[in-house]
Amino acid sequence: MMASQLGSMLTNLGNLSTSDHASLVSINLFVALLCGCIVIGHLLEENRWVNESITALLIGVCIGVVILLTSGGRSSHLLVFSEDLFFIYLLPPIIFNAGKALAPN
């Protein structure tokens, strides 16, 4: 049962259009980078000079340089910033975390 479902999913992946494939790659890359930032930031938590935000910044700069070098200096549409994605999915957790971190008075 599960093997047949996996086979049908793999068959459907072969039928993806170019834009669907690009979206799938960019979402997977974003999630992998986010997980990497969280894990590396947590591992470096004891160091007082490197926290999760600095880790995320450094990983983002490194990945940006790699994408720039692999694309030959041309504009790469691998990771495209979407305002809707920011305001709907990324901003609410940031606001929630800032409100949660406030000291109760």
PDB file of N, CA and C in Angstrom:
ATOM      1  N   MET A   1       0.828  -1.187   0.000  1.00  0.00           N
ATOM      2  CA  MET A   1       0.000   0.000   0.000  1.00  0.00           C
ATOM      3  C   MET A   1       0.873   1.253   0.000  1.00  0.00           C
ATOM      4  N   MET A   2       1.790   1.326   0.949  1.00  0.00           N
ATOM      5  CA  MET A   2       2.638   2.506   1.060  1.00  0.00           C
ATOM      6  C   MET A   2       3.587   2.593  -0.129  1.00  0.00           C
ATOM      7  N   ALA A   3       4.067   1.459  -0.616  1.00  0.00           N
ATOM      8  CA  ALA A   3       4.979   1.464  -1.762  1.00  0.00           C
ATOM      9  C   ALA A   3       4.268   1.961  -3.022  1.00  0.00           C
ATOM     10  N   SER A   4       2.997   1.616  -3.176  1.00  0.00           N
ATOM     11  CA  SER A   4       2.259   2.091  -4.346  1.00  0.00           C
ATOM     12  C   SER A   4       2.007   3.591  -4.270  1.00  0.00           C
ATOM     13  N   GLN A   5       1.755   4.105  -3.058  1.00  0.00           N
ATOM     14  CA  GLN A   5       1.576   5.542  -2.889  1.00  0.00           C
ATOM     15  C   GLN A   5       2.871   6.284  -3.166  1.00  0.00           C
ATOM     16  N   LEU A   6       3.984   5.734  -2.706  1.00  0.00           N
ATOM     17  CA  LEU A   6       5.277   6.352  -2.954  1.00  0.00           C
ATOM     18  C   LEU A   6       5.593   6.341  -4.442  1.00  0.00           C
ATOM     19  N   GLY A   7       5.267   5.244  -5.118  1.00  0.00           N
ATOM     20  CA  GLY A   7       5.486   5.166  -6.562  1.00  0.00           C
ATOM     21  C   GLY A   7       4.649   6.175  -7.324  1.00  0.00           C
ATOM     22  N   SER A   8       3.403   6.364  -6.908  1.00  0.00           N
ATOM     23  CA  SER A   8       2.550   7.346  -7.587  1.00  0.00           C
ATOM     24  C   SER A   8       3.030   8.771  -7.318  1.00  0.00           C
ATOM     25  N   MET A   9       3.565   9.024  -6.127  1.00  0.00           N
ATOM     26  CA  MET A   9       4.102  10.351  -5.829  1.00  0.00           C
ATOM     27  C   MET A   9       5.333  10.634  -6.678  1.00  0.00           C
ATOM     28  N   LEU A  10       6.193   9.629  -6.834  1.00  0.00           N
ATOM     29  CA  LEU A  10       7.387   9.813  -7.661  1.00  0.00           C
ATOM     30  C   LEU A  10       7.013  10.012  -9.120  1.00  0.00           C
ATOM     31  N   THR A  11       5.974   9.342  -9.577  1.00  0.00           N
ATOM     32  CA  THR A  11       5.505   9.534 -10.951  1.00  0.00           C
ATOM     33  C   THR A  11       4.974  10.951 -11.129  1.00  0.00           C
ATOM     34  N   ASN A  12       4.242  11.453 -10.133  1.00  0.00           N
ATOM     35  CA  ASN A  12       3.711  12.815 -10.208  1.00  0.00           C
ATOM     36  C   ASN A  12       4.821  13.852 -10.172  1.00  0.00           C
ATOM     37  N   LEU A  13       5.921  13.573  -9.462  1.00  0.00           N
ATOM     38  CA  LEU A  13       7.034  14.504  -9.431  1.00  0.00           C
ATOM     39  C   LEU A  13       7.669  14.652 -10.809  1.00  0.00           C
ATOM     40  N   GLY A  14       7.647  13.594 -11.586  1.00  0.00           N
ATOM     41  CA  GLY A  14       8.192  13.661 -12.941  1.00  0.00           C
ATOM     42  C   GLY A  14       7.337  14.511 -13.861  1.00  0.00           C
ATOM     43  N   ASN A  15       6.074  14.722 -13.521  1.00  0.00           N
ATOM     44  CA  ASN A  15       5.157  15.483 -14.359  1.00  0.00           C
ATOM     45  C   ASN A  15       5.051  16.949 -13.947  1.00  0.00           C
ATOM     46  N   LEU A  16       5.899  17.416 -13.028  1.00  0.00           N
ATOM     47  CA  LEU A  16       5.835  18.804 -12.578  1.00  0.00           C
ATOM     48  C   LEU A  16       6.305  19.752 -13.671  1.00  0.00           C
ATOM     49  N   SER A  17       5.673  20.901 -13.724  1.00  0.00           N
ATOM     50  CA  SER A  17       6.125  21.920 -14.661  1.00  0.00           C
ATOM     51  C   SER A  17       7.377  22.590 -14.099  1.00  0.00           C
ATOM     52  N   THR A  18       8.010  23.414 -14.903  1.00  0.00           N
ATOM     53  CA  THR A  18       9.248  24.066 -14.492  1.00  0.00           C
ATOM     54  C   THR A  18       9.023  25.006 -13.318  1.00  0.00           C
ATOM     55  N   SER A  19       7.920  25.756 -13.330  1.00  0.00           N
ATOM     56  CA  SER A  19       7.653  26.690 -12.232  1.00  0.00           C
ATOM     57  C   SER A  19       7.338  25.947 -10.940  1.00  0.00           C
ATOM     58  N   ASP A  20       6.613  24.815 -11.046  1.00  0.00           N
ATOM     59  CA  ASP A  20       6.333  24.021  -9.850  1.00  0.00           C
ATOM     60  C   ASP A  20       7.617  23.447  -9.271  1.00  0.00           C
ATOM     61  N   HIS A  21       8.494  22.973 -10.151  1.00  0.00           N
ATOM     62  CA  HIS A  21       9.765  22.413  -9.688  1.00  0.00           C
ATOM     63  C   HIS A  21      10.613  23.494  -9.024  1.00  0.00           C
ATOM     64  N   ALA A  22      10.654  24.688  -9.587  1.00  0.00           N
ATOM     65  CA  ALA A  22      11.424  25.780  -9.001  1.00  0.00           C
ATOM     66  C   ALA A  22      10.856  26.169  -7.638  1.00  0.00           C
ATOM     67  N   SER A  23       9.542  26.188  -7.520  1.00  0.00           N
ATOM     68  CA  SER A  23       8.916  26.509  -6.231  1.00  0.00           C
ATOM     69  C   SER A  23       9.235  25.448  -5.188  1.00  0.00           C
ATOM     70  N   LEU A  24       9.190  24.193  -5.596  1.00  0.00           N
ATOM     71  CA  LEU A  24       9.485  23.097  -4.692  1.00  0.00           C
ATOM     72  C   LEU A  24      10.932  23.156  -4.212  1.00  0.00           C
ATOM     73  N   VAL A  25      11.843  23.440  -5.120  1.00  0.00           N
ATOM     74  CA  VAL A  25      13.263  23.548  -4.748  1.00  0.00           C
ATOM     75  C   VAL A  25      13.492  24.718  -3.808  1.00  0.00           C
ATOM     76  N   SER A  26      12.900  25.863  -4.096  1.00  0.00           N
ATOM     77  CA  SER A  26      13.130  27.034  -3.247  1.00  0.00           C
ATOM     78  C   SER A  26      12.524  26.856  -1.858  1.00  0.00           C
ATOM     79  N   ILE A  27      11.368  26.233  -1.755  1.00  0.00           N
ATOM     80  CA  ILE A  27      10.765  25.995  -0.445  1.00  0.00           C
ATOM     81  C   ILE A  27      11.605  25.007   0.359  1.00  0.00           C
ATOM     82  N   ASN A  28      12.064  23.936  -0.282  1.00  0.00           N
ATOM     83  CA  ASN A  28      12.908  22.962   0.416  1.00  0.00           C
ATOM     84  C   ASN A  28      14.219  23.587   0.864  1.00  0.00           C
ATOM     85  N   LEU A  29      14.812  24.418   0.025  1.00  0.00           N
ATOM     86  CA  LEU A  29      16.056  25.087   0.386  1.00  0.00           C
ATOM     87  C   LEU A  29      15.836  26.043   1.557  1.00  0.00           C
ATOM     88  N   PHE A  30      14.733  26.773   1.533  1.00  0.00           N
ATOM     89  CA  PHE A  30      14.413  27.698   2.620  1.00  0.00           C
ATOM     90  C   PHE A  30      14.233  26.961   3.942  1.00  0.00           C
ATOM     91  N   VAL A  31      13.496  25.852   3.927  1.00  0.00           N
ATOM     92  CA  VAL A  31      13.262  25.086   5.149  1.00  0.00           C
ATOM     93  C   VAL A  31      14.569  24.481   5.661  1.00  0.00           C
ATOM     94  N   ALA A  32      15.409  23.986   4.758  1.00  0.00           N
ATOM     95  CA  ALA A  32      16.693  23.411   5.165  1.00  0.00           C
ATOM     96  C   ALA A  32      17.592  24.483   5.782  1.00  0.00           C
ATOM     97  N   LEU A  33      17.622  25.664   5.182  1.00  0.00           N
ATOM     98  CA  LEU A  33      18.425  26.755   5.746  1.00  0.00           C
ATOM     99  C   LEU A  33      17.897  27.196   7.103  1.00  0.00           C
ATOM    100  N   LEU A  34      16.593  27.265   7.242  1.00  0.00           N
ATOM    101  CA  LEU A  34      15.997  27.648   8.517  1.00  0.00           C
ATOM    102  C   LEU A  34      16.336  26.636   9.603  1.00  0.00           C
ATOM    103  N   CYS A  35      16.231  25.356   9.276  1.00  0.00           N
ATOM    104  CA  CYS A  35      16.588  24.309  10.246  1.00  0.00           C
ATOM    105  C   CYS A  35      18.070  24.370  10.586  1.00  0.00           C
ATOM    106  N   GLY A  36      18.909  24.608   9.591  1.00  0.00           N
ATOM    107  CA  GLY A  36      20.346  24.736   9.844  1.00  0.00           C
ATOM    108  C   GLY A  36      20.655  25.904  10.757  1.00  0.00           C
ATOM    109  N   CYS A  37      19.991  27.020  10.548  1.00  0.00           N
ATOM    110  CA  CYS A  37      20.202  28.197  11.409  1.00  0.00           C
ATOM    111  C   CYS A  37      19.803  27.901  12.845  1.00  0.00           C
ATOM    112  N   ILE A  38      18.691  27.224  13.030  1.00  0.00           N
ATOM    113  CA  ILE A  38      18.225  26.922  14.383  1.00  0.00           C
ATOM    114  C   ILE A  38      19.176  25.955  15.079  1.00  0.00           C
ATOM    115  N   VAL A  39      19.571  24.897  14.379  1.00  0.00           N
ATOM    116  CA  VAL A  39      20.450  23.891  14.992  1.00  0.00           C
ATOM    117  C   VAL A  39      21.821  24.475  15.302  1.00  0.00           C
ATOM    118  N   ILE A  40      22.421  25.168  14.347  1.00  0.00           N
ATOM    119  CA  ILE A  40      23.756  25.733  14.570  1.00  0.00           C
ATOM    120  C   ILE A  40      23.701  26.820  15.638  1.00  0.00           C
ATOM    121  N   GLY A  41      22.665  27.650  15.621  1.00  0.00           N
ATOM    122  CA  GLY A  41      22.512  28.665  16.659  1.00  0.00           C
ATOM    123  C   GLY A  41      22.353  28.054  18.042  1.00  0.00           C
ATOM    124  N   HIS A  42      21.642  26.932  18.126  1.00  0.00           N
ATOM    125  CA  HIS A  42      21.470  26.259  19.416  1.00  0.00           C
ATOM    126  C   HIS A  42      22.796  25.647  19.878  1.00  0.00           C
ATOM    127  N   LEU A  43      23.567  25.090  18.951  1.00  0.00           N
ATOM    128  CA  LEU A  43      24.854  24.499  19.321  1.00  0.00           C
ATOM    129  C   LEU A  43      25.850  25.560  19.779  1.00  0.00           C
ATOM    130  N   LEU A  44      25.750  26.758  19.227  1.00  0.00           N
ATOM    131  CA  LEU A  44      26.655  27.847  19.606  1.00  0.00           C
ATOM    132  C   LEU A  44      26.077  28.732  20.699  1.00  0.00           C
ATOM    133  N   GLU A  45      25.071  28.248  21.397  1.00  0.00           N
ATOM    134  CA  GLU A  45      24.368  29.042  22.397  1.00  0.00           C
ATOM    135  C   GLU A  45      25.269  29.435  23.564  1.00  0.00           C
ATOM    136  N   GLU A  46      26.248  28.616  23.902  1.00  0.00           N
ATOM    137  CA  GLU A  46      27.115  28.904  25.039  1.00  0.00           C
ATOM    138  C   GLU A  46      28.113  30.026  24.737  1.00  0.00           C
ATOM    139  N   ASN A  47      28.384  30.258  23.465  1.00  0.00           N
ATOM    140  CA  ASN A  47      29.293  31.335  23.081  1.00  0.00           C
ATOM    141  C   ASN A  47      28.527  32.653  23.179  1.00  0.00           C
ATOM    142  N   ARG A  48      29.038  33.608  23.932  1.00  0.00           N
ATOM    143  CA  ARG A  48      28.271  34.832  24.140  1.00  0.00           C
ATOM    144  C   ARG A  48      28.362  35.790  22.957  1.00  0.00           C
ATOM    145  N   TRP A  49      29.272  35.561  22.020  1.00  0.00           N
ATOM    146  CA  TRP A  49      29.426  36.456  20.874  1.00  0.00           C
ATOM    147  C   TRP A  49      28.632  35.988  19.656  1.00  0.00           C
ATOM    148  N   VAL A  50      28.230  34.747  19.644  1.00  0.00           N
ATOM    149  CA  VAL A  50      27.498  34.212  18.493  1.00  0.00           C
ATOM    150  C   VAL A  50      26.154  33.688  18.980  1.00  0.00           C
ATOM    151  N   ASN A  51      25.062  34.329  18.533  1.00  0.00           N
ATOM    152  CA  ASN A  51      23.735  33.835  18.863  1.00  0.00           C
ATOM    153  C   ASN A  51      23.025  33.402  17.580  1.00  0.00           C
ATOM    154  N   GLU A  52      21.743  33.058  17.677  1.00  0.00           N
ATOM    155  CA  GLU A  52      21.019  32.529  16.519  1.00  0.00           C
ATOM    156  C   GLU A  52      20.885  33.552  15.399  1.00  0.00           C
ATOM    157  N   SER A  53      20.728  34.823  15.735  1.00  0.00           N
ATOM    158  CA  SER A  53      20.558  35.824  14.679  1.00  0.00           C
ATOM    159  C   SER A  53      21.859  36.039  13.906  1.00  0.00           C
ATOM    160  N   ILE A  54      22.986  36.040  14.605  1.00  0.00           N
ATOM    161  CA  ILE A  54      24.272  36.176  13.906  1.00  0.00           C
ATOM    162  C   ILE A  54      24.534  34.940  13.061  1.00  0.00           C
ATOM    163  N   THR A  55      24.183  33.773  13.582  1.00  0.00           N
ATOM    164  CA  THR A  55      24.337  32.536  12.815  1.00  0.00           C
ATOM    165  C   THR A  55      23.488  32.575  11.549  1.00  0.00           C
ATOM    166  N   ALA A  56      22.242  33.037  11.665  1.00  0.00           N
ATOM    167  CA  ALA A  56      21.367  33.129  10.495  1.00  0.00           C
ATOM    168  C   ALA A  56      21.922  34.119   9.478  1.00  0.00           C
ATOM    169  N   LEU A  57      22.451  35.224   9.953  1.00  0.00           N
ATOM    170  CA  LEU A  57      23.039  36.223   9.063  1.00  0.00           C
ATOM    171  C   LEU A  57      24.244  35.656   8.319  1.00  0.00           C
ATOM    172  N   LEU A  58      25.128  34.983   9.033  1.00  0.00           N
ATOM    173  CA  LEU A  58      26.321  34.414   8.397  1.00  0.00           C
ATOM    174  C   LEU A  58      25.974  33.302   7.402  1.00  0.00           C
ATOM    175  N   ILE A  59      25.021  32.448   7.764  1.00  0.00           N
ATOM    176  CA  ILE A  59      24.604  31.386   6.839  1.00  0.00           C
ATOM    177  C   ILE A  59      23.956  31.999   5.605  1.00  0.00           C
ATOM    178  N   GLY A  60      23.141  33.033   5.774  1.00  0.00           N
ATOM    179  CA  GLY A  60      22.513  33.698   4.636  1.00  0.00           C
ATOM    180  C   GLY A  60      23.522  34.343   3.705  1.00  0.00           C
ATOM    181  N   VAL A  61      24.537  34.988   4.284  1.00  0.00           N
ATOM    182  CA  VAL A  61      25.581  35.603   3.455  1.00  0.00           C
ATOM    183  C   VAL A  61      26.355  34.526   2.693  1.00  0.00           C
ATOM    184  N   CYS A  62      26.704  33.437   3.369  1.00  0.00           N
ATOM    185  CA  CYS A  62      27.444  32.355   2.703  1.00  0.00           C
ATOM    186  C   CYS A  62      26.632  31.728   1.578  1.00  0.00           C
ATOM    187  N   ILE A  63      25.366  31.460   1.812  1.00  0.00           N
ATOM    188  CA  ILE A  63      24.517  30.866   0.768  1.00  0.00           C
ATOM    189  C   ILE A  63      24.327  31.847  -0.380  1.00  0.00           C
ATOM    190  N   GLY A  64      24.189  33.131  -0.070  1.00  0.00           N
ATOM    191  CA  GLY A  64      24.070  34.149  -1.119  1.00  0.00           C
ATOM    192  C   GLY A  64      25.302  34.215  -1.991  1.00  0.00           C
ATOM    193  N   VAL A  65      26.474  34.125  -1.381  1.00  0.00           N
ATOM    194  CA  VAL A  65      27.727  34.132  -2.151  1.00  0.00           C
ATOM    195  C   VAL A  65      27.826  32.889  -3.020  1.00  0.00           C
ATOM    196  N   VAL A  66      27.440  31.731  -2.480  1.00  0.00           N
ATOM    197  CA  VAL A  66      27.473  30.493  -3.269  1.00  0.00           C
ATOM    198  C   VAL A  66      26.525  30.584  -4.464  1.00  0.00           C
ATOM    199  N   ILE A  67      25.318  31.091  -4.249  1.00  0.00           N
ATOM    200  CA  ILE A  67      24.364  31.238  -5.354  1.00  0.00           C
ATOM    201  C   ILE A  67      24.881  32.233  -6.381  1.00  0.00           C
ATOM    202  N   LEU A  68      25.480  33.329  -5.932  1.00  0.00           N
ATOM    203  CA  LEU A  68      26.030  34.319  -6.851  1.00  0.00           C
ATOM    204  C   LEU A  68      27.167  33.736  -7.678  1.00  0.00           C
ATOM    205  N   LEU A  69      28.039  32.969  -7.050  1.00  0.00           N
ATOM    206  CA  LEU A  69      29.163  32.376  -7.779  1.00  0.00           C
ATOM    207  C   LEU A  69      28.712  31.284  -8.740  1.00  0.00           C
ATOM    208  N   THR A  70      27.730  30.474  -8.350  1.00  0.00           N
ATOM    209  CA  THR A  70      27.267  29.409  -9.236  1.00  0.00           C
ATOM    210  C   THR A  70      26.433  29.941 -10.398  1.00  0.00           C
ATOM    211  N   SER A  71      25.786  31.081 -10.211  1.00  0.00           N
ATOM    212  CA  SER A  71      24.987  31.636 -11.308  1.00  0.00           C
ATOM    213  C   SER A  71      25.826  32.519 -12.223  1.00  0.00           C
ATOM    214  N   GLY A  72      27.098  32.674 -11.931  1.00  0.00           N
ATOM    215  CA  GLY A  72      27.983  33.454 -12.788  1.00  0.00           C
ATOM    216  C   GLY A  72      27.748  34.949 -12.711  1.00  0.00           C
ATOM    217  N   GLY A  73      27.210  35.440 -11.606  1.00  0.00           N
ATOM    218  CA  GLY A  73      26.970  36.868 -11.448  1.00  0.00           C
ATOM    219  C   GLY A  73      25.646  37.334 -12.019  1.00  0.00           C
ATOM    220  N   ARG A  74      24.924  36.444 -12.703  1.00  0.00           N
ATOM    221  CA  ARG A  74      23.611  36.803 -13.230  1.00  0.00           C
ATOM    222  C   ARG A  74      22.576  36.729 -12.114  1.00  0.00           C
ATOM    223  N   SER A  75      21.463  37.336 -12.337  1.00  0.00           N
ATOM    224  CA  SER A  75      20.387  37.295 -11.352  1.00  0.00           C
ATOM    225  C   SER A  75      19.808  35.893 -11.299  1.00  0.00           C
ATOM    226  N   SER A  76      19.838  35.297 -10.132  1.00  0.00           N
ATOM    227  CA  SER A  76      19.297  33.961  -9.945  1.00  0.00           C
ATOM    228  C   SER A  76      17.933  34.075  -9.280  1.00  0.00           C
ATOM    229  N   HIS A  77      16.960  33.380  -9.806  1.00  0.00           N
ATOM    230  CA  HIS A  77      15.613  33.408  -9.235  1.00  0.00           C
ATOM    231  C   HIS A  77      15.372  32.165  -8.390  1.00  0.00           C
ATOM    232  N   LEU A  78      16.448  31.646  -7.781  1.00  0.00           N
ATOM    233  CA  LEU A  78      16.306  30.463  -6.943  1.00  0.00           C
ATOM    234  C   LEU A  78      15.544  30.805  -5.671  1.00  0.00           C
ATOM    235  N   LEU A  79      15.932  31.880  -5.024  1.00  0.00           N
ATOM    236  CA  LEU A  79      15.238  32.345  -3.831  1.00  0.00           C
ATOM    237  C   LEU A  79      14.710  33.744  -4.109  1.00  0.00           C
ATOM    238  N   VAL A  80      13.404  33.849  -4.303  1.00  0.00           N
ATOM    239  CA  VAL A  80      12.771  35.126  -4.612  1.00  0.00           C
ATOM    240  C   VAL A  80      11.975  35.565  -3.388  1.00  0.00           C
ATOM    241  N   PHE A  81      12.169  36.822  -2.970  1.00  0.00           N
ATOM    242  CA  PHE A  81      11.458  37.346  -1.807  1.00  0.00           C
ATOM    243  C   PHE A  81      10.044  37.717  -2.195  1.00  0.00           C
ATOM    244  N   SER A  82       9.095  37.243  -1.438  1.00  0.00           N
ATOM    245  CA  SER A  82       7.692  37.553  -1.671  1.00  0.00           C
ATOM    246  C   SER A  82       7.155  38.300  -0.453  1.00  0.00           C
ATOM    247  N   GLU A  83       6.549  39.462  -0.693  1.00  0.00           N
ATOM    248  CA  GLU A  83       5.994  40.244   0.403  1.00  0.00           C
ATOM    249  C   GLU A  83       4.857  39.499   1.090  1.00  0.00           C
ATOM    250  N   ASP A  84       4.052  38.781   0.311  1.00  0.00           N
ATOM    251  CA  ASP A  84       2.952  38.024   0.900  1.00  0.00           C
ATOM    252  C   ASP A  84       3.478  36.947   1.837  1.00  0.00           C
ATOM    253  N   LEU A  85       4.528  36.259   1.426  1.00  0.00           N
ATOM    254  CA  LEU A  85       5.128  35.233   2.272  1.00  0.00           C
ATOM    255  C   LEU A  85       5.620  35.842   3.573  1.00  0.00           C
ATOM    256  N   PHE A  86       6.232  37.011   3.498  1.00  0.00           N
ATOM    257  CA  PHE A  86       6.744  37.662   4.704  1.00  0.00           C
ATOM    258  C   PHE A  86       5.617  38.062   5.638  1.00  0.00           C
ATOM    259  N   PHE A  87       4.600  38.769   5.127  1.00  0.00           N
ATOM    260  CA  PHE A  87       3.555  39.301   5.995  1.00  0.00           C
ATOM    261  C   PHE A  87       2.611  38.232   6.516  1.00  0.00           C
ATOM    262  N   ILE A  88       2.416  37.153   5.787  1.00  0.00           N
ATOM    263  CA  ILE A  88       1.469  36.131   6.227  1.00  0.00           C
ATOM    264  C   ILE A  88       2.141  35.056   7.085  1.00  0.00           C
ATOM    265  N   TYR A  89       3.353  34.622   6.701  1.00  0.00           N
ATOM    266  CA  TYR A  89       3.965  33.469   7.369  1.00  0.00           C
ATOM    267  C   TYR A  89       5.137  33.810   8.284  1.00  0.00           C
ATOM    268  N   LEU A  90       5.909  34.836   7.978  1.00  0.00           N
ATOM    269  CA  LEU A  90       7.101  35.103   8.770  1.00  0.00           C
ATOM    270  C   LEU A  90       6.908  36.168   9.840  1.00  0.00           C
ATOM    271  N   LEU A  91       6.133  37.193   9.571  1.00  0.00           N
ATOM    272  CA  LEU A  91       5.970  38.287  10.528  1.00  0.00           C
ATOM    273  C   LEU A  91       5.174  37.903  11.778  1.00  0.00           C
ATOM    274  N   PRO A  92       4.065  37.162  11.685  1.00  0.00           N
ATOM    275  CA  PRO A  92       3.333  36.810  12.912  1.00  0.00           C
ATOM    276  C   PRO A  92       4.159  36.054  13.949  1.00  0.00           C
ATOM    277  N   PRO A  93       4.974  35.046  13.585  1.00  0.00           N
ATOM    278  CA  PRO A  93       5.795  34.413  14.631  1.00  0.00           C
ATOM    279  C   PRO A  93       6.822  35.361  15.239  1.00  0.00           C
ATOM    280  N   ILE A  94       7.340  36.308  14.449  1.00  0.00           N
ATOM    281  CA  ILE A  94       8.299  37.273  14.980  1.00  0.00           C
ATOM    282  C   ILE A  94       7.610  38.156  16.020  1.00  0.00           C
ATOM    283  N   ILE A  95       6.407  38.638  15.713  1.00  0.00           N
ATOM    284  CA  ILE A  95       5.665  39.478  16.651  1.00  0.00           C
ATOM    285  C   ILE A  95       5.265  38.683  17.893  1.00  0.00           C
ATOM    286  N   PHE A  96       4.841  37.429  17.691  1.00  0.00           N
ATOM    287  CA  PHE A  96       4.464  36.578  18.817  1.00  0.00           C
ATOM    288  C   PHE A  96       5.660  36.339  19.738  1.00  0.00           C
ATOM    289  N   ASN A  97       6.835  36.058  19.165  1.00  0.00           N
ATOM    290  CA  ASN A  97       8.021  35.809  19.970  1.00  0.00           C
ATOM    291  C   ASN A  97       8.442  37.062  20.729  1.00  0.00           C
ATOM    292  N   ALA A  98       8.331  38.235  20.088  1.00  0.00           N
ATOM    293  CA  ALA A  98       8.683  39.485  20.766  1.00  0.00           C
ATOM    294  C   ALA A  98       7.722  39.749  21.920  1.00  0.00           C
ATOM    295  N   GLY A  99       6.437  39.486  21.738  1.00  0.00           N
ATOM    296  CA  GLY A  99       5.466  39.676  22.815  1.00  0.00           C
ATOM    297  C   GLY A  99       5.667  38.677  23.949  1.00  0.00           C
ATOM    298  N   LYS A 100       6.053  37.456  23.616  1.00  0.00           N
ATOM    299  CA  LYS A 100       6.289  36.427  24.616  1.00  0.00           C
ATOM    300  C   LYS A 100       7.540  36.718  25.446  1.00  0.00           C
ATOM    301  N   ALA A 101       8.515  37.377  24.827  1.00  0.00           N
ATOM    302  CA  ALA A 101       9.786  37.662  25.502  1.00  0.00           C
ATOM    303  C   ALA A 101       9.694  38.860  26.433  1.00  0.00           C
ATOM    304  N   LEU A 102       8.621  39.624  26.373  1.00  0.00           N
ATOM    305  CA  LEU A 102       8.475  40.778  27.262  1.00  0.00           C
ATOM    306  C   LEU A 102       8.365  40.333  28.712  1.00  0.00           C
ATOM    307  N   ALA A 103       8.954  41.111  29.592  1.00  0.00           N
ATOM    308  CA  ALA A 103       8.879  40.793  31.031  1.00  0.00           C
ATOM    309  C   ALA A 103       7.495  41.177  31.542  1.00  0.00           C
ATOM    310  N   PRO A 104       6.850  40.285  32.262  1.00  0.00           N
ATOM    311  CA  PRO A 104       5.527  40.624  32.801  1.00  0.00           C
ATOM    312  C   PRO A 104       5.649  41.652  33.918  1.00  0.00           C
ATOM    313  N   ASN A 105       4.860  42.701  33.800  1.00  0.00           N
ATOM    314  CA  ASN A 105       4.886  43.769  34.811  1.00  0.00           C
ATOM    315  C   ASN A 105       3.564  43.826  35.539  1.00  0.00           C
TER     316      ASN A 105
END
